Amino acid sequence: MIYPSIDKLLNVIGSKYQLVHIAANRSREIKHKGNLQMPKDKYKSYKNIGKSLEEVVEGMISLKKND
């Protein structure tokens, strides 16, 4: 995986474990529902997991803080 870099991803989501969880869930959502948050030609990645990580870097997906 070249893009997005792990450093950029960890700046958005502080934990690698949370990042994996978020990206996996979003990837499954893309697979089953097919809804993308950006136009198809804006994604650099072909696979759904890469697309979900691109969405994280762009700030389209974030962590919900529990109080």
Protein backbone atom coordinates (compact mmCIF):
# COMPACT_ATOMS: atom_id res chain seq x y z
CA MET A 1 0.00 0.00 0.00
CA ILE A 2 1.57 3.26 -1.10
CA TYR A 3 -1.28 5.73 -0.74
CA PRO A 4 -2.34 6.92 1.76
CA SER A 5 0.70 6.60 3.96
CA ILE A 6 0.40 5.13 7.45
CA ASP A 7 1.76 8.38 8.92
CA LYS A 8 -1.07 10.42 7.43
CA LEU A 9 -3.62 7.86 8.57
CA LEU A 10 -2.31 7.82 12.13
CA ASN A 11 -2.53 11.61 12.27
CA VAL A 12 -6.27 11.29 11.70
CA ILE A 13 -6.92 8.13 13.76
CA GLY A 14 -4.55 7.74 16.70
CA SER A 15 -4.53 3.95 16.94
CA LYS A 16 -3.63 1.35 14.31
CA TYR A 17 -6.23 -0.99 15.78
CA GLN A 18 -9.03 1.55 15.50
CA LEU A 19 -7.91 2.39 11.99
CA VAL A 20 -8.13 -1.26 10.93
CA HIS A 21 -11.58 -1.59 12.48
CA ILE A 22 -12.91 1.56 10.81
CA ALA A 23 -11.41 0.74 7.41
CA ALA A 24 -12.68 -2.85 7.46
CA ASN A 25 -16.22 -1.80 8.35
CA ARG A 26 -16.27 0.92 5.69
CA SER A 27 -14.84 -1.49 3.11
CA ARG A 28 -17.66 -3.96 3.82
CA GLU A 29 -20.18 -1.15 3.55
CA ILE A 30 -18.82 -0.13 0.15
CA LYS A 31 -18.93 -3.76 -1.00
CA HIS A 32 -22.52 -4.40 0.07
CA LYS A 33 -24.16 -1.03 -0.54
CA GLY A 34 -21.88 0.41 -3.22
CA ASN A 35 -22.13 3.99 -1.97
CA LEU A 36 -18.98 6.07 -2.26
CA GLN A 37 -18.39 9.45 -0.66
CA MET A 38 -16.30 10.80 -3.53
CA PRO A 39 -16.67 10.46 -7.30
CA LYS A 40 -15.11 7.23 -8.61
CA ASP A 41 -12.45 9.06 -10.63
CA LYS A 42 -11.11 10.81 -7.48
CA TYR A 43 -9.98 7.55 -5.85
CA LYS A 44 -6.44 6.34 -6.46
CA SER A 45 -7.14 2.87 -5.07
CA TYR A 46 -8.91 0.13 -6.98
CA LYS A 47 -9.87 -1.97 -3.95
CA ASN A 48 -12.51 -1.06 -1.39
CA ILE A 49 -10.09 -1.16 1.54
CA GLY A 50 -7.89 1.43 -0.17
CA LYS A 51 -10.92 3.58 -0.94
CA SER A 52 -11.98 3.47 2.69
CA LEU A 53 -8.49 4.54 3.83
CA GLU A 54 -8.56 7.42 1.34
CA GLU A 55 -11.86 8.53 2.85
CA VAL A 56 -10.27 8.48 6.31
CA VAL A 57 -7.39 10.69 5.16
CA GLU A 58 -9.81 13.12 3.50
CA GLY A 59 -11.69 13.48 6.78
CA MET A 60 -14.88 11.89 5.50
CA ILE A 61 -14.72 9.19 8.18
CA SER A 62 -13.80 9.90 11.76
CA LEU A 63 -14.02 8.39 15.20
CA LYS A 64 -17.07 9.02 17.32
CA LYS A 65 -16.03 9.87 20.87
CA ASN A 66 -17.99 8.16 23.64
CA ASP A 67 -18.41 10.15 26.83
